[in-house]
Amino acid sequence: MFYSKKLKRFKEIKHCFFSKRNGYSTGIYKSLNCGHGSKDNKKNIQKNLKLVAKKMRVKPENLVLMHQTHGNNVTEIKRMNYKKKIYSDAIVTKMRGVSLGVLTADCVPIILYDSRNKIIGCIHAGWKGAFKNIIKNTIHKIRKISSKSKIYASVGPCIGLKSYEVDIKFYNKFISKSSKNKIYFLNKSKSKKLFNLRRFVTDKLKECKVEVDQVNRDTFAEKNNFFSYRRACKLKQKDYGRCISTISMLN
């Protein structure tokens, strides 16, 4: 379990970037796999989610998750929709007694809190979503709810620069959008680059005038703490677990 130092200061909210430890799943999903999209035993996933809900002090049915699409859709959670299936990569709410969750396995989980207006949120920011402005869209959504905002963001555990090898096609996609994106890449070889997803996402938040802190952990490198899609592929595993990051506004 990992925490933002800045968000910990606010007593009216509870948050956590959960590791993969202390759950019920076994095998390649050991142990706190919270991913419904995985091929893990559904009963184990439910037990893991119940455990998370208990830690977050909400009822299991009030742990709100998304069906993540690597897109840029943002959904405001209200009484009428919080129990429905939500196809989104970011959710925000003013509701109390619910916990918002994001699932990741190398992508970036971002937890948000607007301290002035008591709005919480979380973002699933892989490179695709970040490239398609999921961060900007989410901040805009919060400010649409209330323009006088003071937003804090914590960038959680994700794949690190040294672990994120990409090809020239990937690199060119970013450079064609803006030559300034060169700062997010390091040369590894003639045909390979290293991509700094954490820095890319952080800069997107800063562009939106959001105060940011980091839980700077590498999901690929820390195999005992986190699930990793890329590590699972490298080990030729057929599937992978997902870690959960959550925030709730206490009643």
Protein backbone atom coordinates (compact mmCIF):
# COMPACT_ATOMS: atom_id res chain seq x y z
CA MET A 1 0.00 0.00 0.00
CA PHE A 2 1.39 3.34 -1.11
CA TYR A 3 0.21 6.88 -0.39
CA SER A 4 0.55 10.45 -1.60
CA LYS A 5 2.12 12.72 1.02
CA LYS A 6 0.04 15.67 -0.18
CA LEU A 7 -3.27 13.84 -0.23
CA LYS A 8 -2.64 12.34 3.21
CA ARG A 9 -2.92 15.84 4.66
CA PHE A 10 -6.64 15.96 3.87
CA LYS A 11 -8.56 14.18 6.62
CA GLU A 12 -11.87 14.23 4.73
CA ILE A 13 -10.60 11.82 2.07
CA LYS A 14 -9.03 8.38 2.08
CA HIS A 15 -6.83 7.09 -0.73
CA CYS A 16 -4.45 4.27 -1.52
CA PHE A 17 -2.32 2.92 -4.35
CA PHE A 18 -2.63 -0.77 -3.51
CA SER A 19 0.18 -3.18 -4.28
CA LYS A 20 -0.48 -6.75 -5.45
CA ARG A 21 0.09 -8.11 -1.93
CA ASN A 22 -2.30 -9.43 0.74
CA GLY A 23 -5.09 -10.77 -1.46
CA TYR A 24 -6.74 -14.10 -2.24
CA SER A 25 -5.70 -14.90 -5.82
CA THR A 26 -3.12 -17.55 -6.69
CA GLY A 27 -0.67 -18.42 -9.46
CA ILE A 28 0.18 -15.58 -11.87
CA TYR A 29 -2.54 -13.48 -10.18
CA LYS A 30 -1.04 -13.73 -6.70
CA SER A 31 -2.47 -12.11 -4.74
CA LEU A 32 -4.53 -8.87 -4.74
CA ASN A 33 -5.71 -9.06 -8.35
CA CYS A 34 -8.66 -6.68 -8.78
CA GLY A 35 -9.06 -6.99 -12.54
CA HIS A 36 -12.45 -8.24 -13.73
CA GLY A 37 -10.93 -8.25 -17.21
CA SER A 38 -8.42 -10.92 -16.22
CA LYS A 39 -9.02 -14.67 -16.46
CA ASP A 40 -8.57 -15.11 -12.72
CA ASN A 41 -11.16 -16.94 -10.61
CA LYS A 42 -14.09 -14.49 -10.29
CA LYS A 43 -14.71 -15.44 -6.66
CA ASN A 44 -11.14 -14.49 -5.78
CA ILE A 45 -11.47 -11.16 -7.58
CA GLN A 46 -14.68 -10.42 -5.64
CA LYS A 47 -12.98 -11.28 -2.35
CA ASN A 48 -10.10 -8.98 -3.27
CA LEU A 49 -12.47 -6.12 -4.12
CA LYS A 50 -14.36 -6.63 -0.86
CA LEU A 51 -11.07 -6.36 0.98
CA VAL A 52 -10.27 -3.09 -0.84
CA ALA A 53 -13.76 -1.70 -0.08
CA LYS A 54 -13.29 -2.52 3.60
CA LYS A 55 -9.92 -0.74 3.68
CA MET A 56 -11.54 2.26 1.98
CA ARG A 57 -14.45 2.20 4.48
CA VAL A 58 -17.18 1.79 1.87
CA LYS A 59 -19.70 -0.94 1.08
CA PRO A 60 -18.48 -3.34 -1.63
CA GLU A 61 -21.23 -2.14 -3.99
CA ASN A 62 -19.98 1.44 -3.50
CA LEU A 63 -16.53 0.70 -4.91
CA VAL A 64 -16.96 2.23 -8.37
CA LEU A 65 -14.76 0.90 -11.17
CA MET A 66 -14.60 1.61 -14.90
CA HIS A 67 -14.60 -0.53 -17.98
CA GLN A 68 -11.38 1.05 -19.24
CA THR A 69 -10.95 1.57 -22.98
CA HIS A 70 -7.61 3.45 -23.37
CA GLY A 71 -9.70 6.38 -24.59
CA ASN A 72 -10.38 9.92 -23.38
CA ASN A 73 -13.92 9.67 -21.99
CA VAL A 74 -14.59 11.14 -18.53
CA THR A 75 -17.70 10.27 -16.50
CA GLU A 76 -19.17 12.09 -13.53
CA ILE A 77 -20.46 9.57 -11.01
CA LYS A 78 -23.90 10.40 -9.60
CA ARG A 79 -26.66 8.53 -7.76
CA MET A 80 -28.28 7.53 -11.04
CA ASN A 81 -25.26 5.88 -12.65
CA TYR A 82 -22.80 4.69 -10.00
CA LYS A 83 -24.06 1.08 -10.14
CA LYS A 84 -24.09 0.90 -13.94
CA LYS A 85 -21.29 -0.32 -16.23
CA ILE A 86 -19.15 2.71 -17.00
CA TYR A 87 -17.10 2.78 -20.20
CA SER A 88 -14.56 5.42 -19.33
CA ASP A 89 -10.92 6.12 -18.49
CA ALA A 90 -11.60 8.72 -15.82
CA ILE A 91 -14.30 9.20 -13.21
CA VAL A 92 -15.04 12.13 -10.89
CA THR A 93 -17.66 12.66 -8.19
CA LYS A 94 -18.93 14.83 -5.36
CA MET A 95 -20.67 11.82 -3.80
CA ARG A 96 -19.73 10.74 -0.31
CA GLY A 97 -19.60 7.13 0.80
CA VAL A 98 -18.31 5.86 -2.54
CA SER A 99 -14.77 4.96 -3.51
CA LEU A 100 -13.55 5.53 -7.07
CA GLY A 101 -11.07 2.99 -8.41
CA VAL A 102 -8.71 2.63 -11.35
CA LEU A 103 -7.02 -0.62 -12.44
CA THR A 104 -3.50 -0.70 -13.88
CA ALA A 105 -0.66 -3.03 -14.81
CA ASP A 106 2.00 -0.57 -16.12
CA CYS A 107 -0.33 2.29 -17.13
CA VAL A 108 -0.46 5.31 -14.82
CA PRO A 109 -3.09 5.56 -12.08
CA ILE A 110 -3.75 9.20 -11.19
CA ILE A 111 -5.74 10.17 -8.09
CA LEU A 112 -7.28 13.65 -7.94
CA TYR A 113 -8.77 15.86 -5.25
CA ASP A 114 -10.30 19.30 -5.63
CA SER A 115 -10.03 20.52 -2.03
CA ARG A 116 -12.15 23.65 -2.58
CA ASN A 117 -15.17 21.90 -4.02
CA LYS A 118 -14.75 18.46 -2.44
CA ILE A 119 -14.52 16.60 -5.75
CA ILE A 120 -12.54 13.36 -6.04
CA GLY A 121 -11.42 11.61 -9.20
CA CYS A 122 -9.15 9.04 -10.75
CA ILE A 123 -7.64 8.58 -14.20
CA HIS A 124 -6.39 5.57 -16.14
CA ALA A 125 -3.55 7.11 -18.17
CA GLY A 126 -1.74 4.74 -20.47
CA TRP A 127 0.16 6.28 -23.37
CA LYS A 128 -2.93 6.09 -25.61
CA GLY A 129 -5.23 7.88 -23.20
CA ALA A 130 -2.59 10.47 -22.29
CA PHE A 131 -1.90 11.04 -26.00
CA LYS A 132 -5.65 11.53 -26.59
CA ASN A 133 -5.91 14.15 -23.77
CA ILE A 134 -7.64 12.09 -21.07
CA ILE A 135 -5.90 14.26 -18.44
CA LYS A 136 -6.95 17.60 -19.92
CA ASN A 137 -10.52 16.30 -20.36
CA THR A 138 -10.69 15.20 -16.71
CA ILE A 139 -9.44 18.49 -15.30
CA HIS A 140 -11.85 20.33 -17.60
CA LYS A 141 -14.72 18.16 -16.29
CA ILE A 142 -13.85 19.00 -12.65
CA ARG A 143 -13.65 22.73 -13.46
CA LYS A 144 -16.96 22.52 -15.29
CA ILE A 145 -18.57 21.28 -12.08
CA SER A 146 -17.01 24.26 -10.27
CA SER A 147 -14.64 26.80 -11.85
CA LYS A 148 -12.99 27.91 -8.59
CA SER A 149 -10.96 24.78 -8.01
CA LYS A 150 -7.78 23.78 -6.19
CA ILE A 151 -6.81 20.42 -7.67
CA TYR A 152 -4.15 18.09 -6.32
CA ALA A 153 -2.98 15.07 -8.29
CA SER A 154 -0.88 12.10 -7.30
CA VAL A 155 0.81 10.10 -10.06
CA GLY A 156 0.98 6.50 -8.90
CA PRO A 157 3.10 3.42 -9.62
CA CYS A 158 3.62 2.81 -13.34
CA ILE A 159 6.20 1.47 -15.78
CA GLY A 160 9.48 3.35 -15.41
CA LEU A 161 11.68 4.97 -18.04
CA LYS A 162 14.36 2.26 -17.93
CA SER A 163 11.72 -0.46 -18.37
CA TYR A 164 9.66 1.08 -21.17
CA GLU A 165 11.28 0.16 -24.47
CA VAL A 166 9.47 1.36 -27.61
CA ASP A 167 10.12 1.27 -31.35
CA ILE A 168 10.74 4.11 -33.81
CA LYS A 169 7.13 4.00 -35.04
CA PHE A 170 5.95 4.77 -31.49
CA TYR A 171 8.52 7.57 -31.20
CA ASN A 172 7.49 9.10 -34.55
CA LYS A 173 3.83 9.15 -33.48
CA PHE A 174 4.71 11.46 -30.59
CA ILE A 175 7.15 13.61 -32.57
CA SER A 176 4.65 14.13 -35.40
CA LYS A 177 2.25 15.58 -32.82
CA SER A 178 4.91 17.90 -31.41
CA SER A 179 8.70 18.05 -31.74
CA LYS A 180 8.76 19.07 -28.06
CA ASN A 181 7.87 15.46 -27.20
CA LYS A 182 11.51 14.49 -27.84
CA ILE A 183 12.24 15.22 -24.17
CA TYR A 184 10.27 12.11 -23.15
CA PHE A 185 12.58 9.71 -25.00
CA LEU A 186 16.08 8.35 -24.55
CA ASN A 187 18.05 6.41 -27.16
CA LYS A 188 18.54 2.72 -26.44
CA SER A 189 19.69 1.53 -29.86
CA LYS A 190 19.22 2.47 -33.51
CA SER A 191 15.76 0.94 -33.57
CA LYS A 192 14.68 1.31 -29.92
CA LYS A 193 13.92 4.18 -27.55
CA LEU A 194 13.02 4.42 -23.88
CA PHE A 195 9.81 6.33 -23.08
CA ASN A 196 9.22 8.35 -19.91
CA LEU A 197 5.48 7.86 -19.44
CA ARG A 198 5.54 9.26 -15.89
CA ARG A 199 7.09 12.54 -17.02
CA PHE A 200 4.73 12.82 -20.01
CA VAL A 201 1.68 12.39 -17.79
CA THR A 202 3.04 14.71 -15.09
CA ASP A 203 3.66 17.48 -17.61
CA LYS A 204 0.09 17.13 -18.89
CA LEU A 205 -1.16 17.71 -15.33
CA LYS A 206 1.15 20.69 -14.84
CA GLU A 207 -0.07 22.22 -18.10
CA CYS A 208 -3.52 22.19 -16.50
CA LYS A 209 -2.16 24.10 -13.47
CA VAL A 210 -2.60 21.13 -11.15
CA GLU A 211 -0.37 20.57 -8.11
CA VAL A 212 1.34 17.19 -8.54
CA ASP A 213 3.22 14.73 -6.39
CA GLN A 214 4.61 11.28 -7.18
CA VAL A 215 4.48 7.76 -5.84
CA ASN A 216 7.53 6.95 -7.90
CA ARG A 217 7.55 3.17 -8.27
CA ASP A 218 8.31 1.10 -11.37
CA THR A 219 5.66 -1.60 -11.86
CA PHE A 220 7.80 -3.57 -14.31
CA ALA A 221 10.91 -3.63 -12.11
CA GLU A 222 9.18 -4.28 -8.78
CA LYS A 223 7.82 -7.76 -9.42
CA ASN A 224 7.06 -8.40 -5.73
CA ASN A 225 4.89 -5.29 -5.44
CA PHE A 226 3.06 -4.83 -8.73
CA PHE A 227 1.43 -6.57 -11.65
CA SER A 228 2.93 -5.70 -15.04
CA TYR A 229 1.49 -6.35 -18.48
CA ARG A 230 4.90 -5.95 -20.09
CA ARG A 231 6.62 -8.29 -17.62
CA ALA A 232 3.89 -10.91 -18.17
CA CYS A 233 4.50 -10.68 -21.94
CA LYS A 234 8.25 -11.03 -21.45
CA LEU A 235 7.75 -14.12 -19.29
CA LYS A 236 5.30 -15.49 -21.90
CA GLN A 237 2.49 -15.69 -19.36
CA LYS A 238 -1.00 -16.00 -20.82
CA ASP A 239 -2.52 -13.27 -18.68
CA TYR A 240 -1.75 -10.79 -15.89
CA GLY A 241 -3.32 -9.27 -12.79
CA ARG A 242 -4.27 -5.66 -12.18
CA CYS A 243 -3.49 -3.42 -9.22
CA ILE A 244 -6.10 -1.01 -7.90
CA SER A 245 -5.75 2.63 -6.86
CA THR A 246 -8.63 4.27 -5.02
CA ILE A 247 -9.96 7.44 -3.43
CA SER A 248 -13.06 8.06 -1.33
CA MET A 249 -14.69 11.01 0.41
CA LEU A 250 -15.55 10.04 3.93
CA ASN A 251 -19.10 10.51 5.23
